[in-house]
Amino acid sequence: MGSGDSYDDYPEYRDEFGSVGPLPVTDGQRKPPEEGFFTGPEIGARFPDVRLSRSEGWMLDLHADRGDAQAAVVFFRSAVW
């Protein structure tokens, strides 16, 4: 991309979901997973037991500390490292 260009000028940067990334969709880092690639537990499945270290210095036990409350766990990763 040149200076002053926008991603609209480069449709190869937009995937089928409308997400735009810094690399063309055909680049190895942006290819969708192959058929049968495990992407994680199904929606609604019990999350594995996990303990996380908090920045305050104490440990968080996901299941024990939330009691009966539901939780949403979100992992965010940039498109390119």
Protein backbone atom coordinates (compact mmCIF):
# COMPACT_ATOMS: atom_id res chain seq x y z
CA MET A 1 0.00 0.00 0.00
CA GLY A 2 1.22 3.44 -0.80
CA SER A 3 0.92 6.62 1.19
CA GLY A 4 -2.64 7.93 1.07
CA ASP A 5 -4.11 4.58 -0.02
CA SER A 6 -6.99 3.02 1.87
CA TYR A 7 -7.86 -0.63 2.36
CA ASP A 8 -10.87 -0.07 0.08
CA ASP A 9 -8.35 0.24 -2.77
CA TYR A 10 -7.05 -3.27 -1.96
CA PRO A 11 -9.93 -5.78 -1.74
CA GLU A 12 -7.44 -8.64 -1.23
CA TYR A 13 -6.95 -7.31 2.32
CA ARG A 14 -10.63 -7.92 3.23
CA ASP A 15 -11.74 -11.46 4.11
CA GLU A 16 -15.17 -13.04 3.61
CA PHE A 17 -16.28 -11.77 7.04
CA GLY A 18 -15.42 -8.16 6.20
CA SER A 19 -12.34 -8.06 8.44
CA VAL A 20 -9.42 -6.06 7.10
CA GLY A 21 -5.83 -6.97 7.86
CA PRO A 22 -2.38 -5.64 7.04
CA LEU A 23 -1.65 -8.60 4.74
CA PRO A 24 -3.50 -10.03 1.75
CA VAL A 25 -5.89 -12.87 2.66
CA THR A 26 -3.78 -15.28 0.60
CA ASP A 27 -0.71 -14.60 2.75
CA GLY A 28 0.22 -17.60 4.91
CA GLN A 29 -0.41 -15.71 8.14
CA ARG A 30 -4.01 -14.90 7.16
CA LYS A 31 -5.13 -18.16 5.58
CA PRO A 32 -8.21 -19.70 7.19
CA PRO A 33 -7.63 -22.96 9.05
CA GLU A 34 -7.76 -26.19 7.10
CA GLU A 35 -10.79 -28.47 7.33
CA GLY A 36 -10.84 -30.30 10.67
CA PHE A 37 -8.53 -27.80 12.42
CA PHE A 38 -9.39 -27.68 16.14
CA THR A 39 -10.27 -24.09 17.05
CA GLY A 40 -11.27 -24.67 20.66
CA PRO A 41 -14.23 -25.82 22.73
CA GLU A 42 -17.75 -25.47 21.40
CA ILE A 43 -19.86 -22.53 22.51
CA GLY A 44 -21.46 -23.42 25.84
CA ALA A 45 -18.93 -26.14 26.67
CA ARG A 46 -17.41 -26.11 30.15
CA PHE A 47 -14.16 -24.19 30.17
CA PRO A 48 -11.17 -26.20 31.43
CA ASP A 49 -10.07 -25.67 35.03
CA VAL A 50 -7.62 -22.80 34.98
CA ARG A 51 -5.83 -20.61 37.50
CA LEU A 52 -4.47 -17.28 36.34
CA SER A 53 -1.98 -14.98 38.00
CA ARG A 54 -3.46 -11.51 38.48
CA SER A 55 -1.41 -8.33 38.20
CA GLU A 56 -2.30 -7.61 41.85
CA GLY A 57 -0.33 -10.72 42.87
CA TRP A 58 -3.16 -13.14 43.71
CA MET A 59 -4.35 -16.18 41.79
CA LEU A 60 -7.75 -16.31 40.11
CA ASP A 61 -9.44 -19.71 39.91
CA LEU A 62 -11.96 -19.29 37.11
CA HIS A 63 -14.51 -21.83 38.38
CA ALA A 64 -14.14 -21.40 42.16
CA ASP A 65 -14.05 -17.60 42.18
CA ARG A 66 -17.11 -17.03 40.01
CA GLY A 67 -19.39 -19.40 41.94
CA ASP A 68 -22.58 -20.09 39.97
CA ALA A 69 -22.23 -16.96 37.85
CA GLN A 70 -21.68 -17.37 34.14
CA ALA A 71 -18.53 -16.01 32.54
CA ALA A 72 -17.41 -15.02 29.09
CA VAL A 73 -13.77 -15.71 28.31
CA VAL A 74 -12.34 -13.72 25.43
CA PHE A 75 -8.93 -14.22 23.88
CA PHE A 76 -7.67 -11.43 21.68
CA ARG A 77 -4.76 -11.82 19.35
CA SER A 78 -3.59 -9.36 16.76
CA ALA A 79 -3.78 -10.40 13.12
CA VAL A 80 0.00 -10.23 12.67
CA TRP A 81 2.70 -10.65 15.31
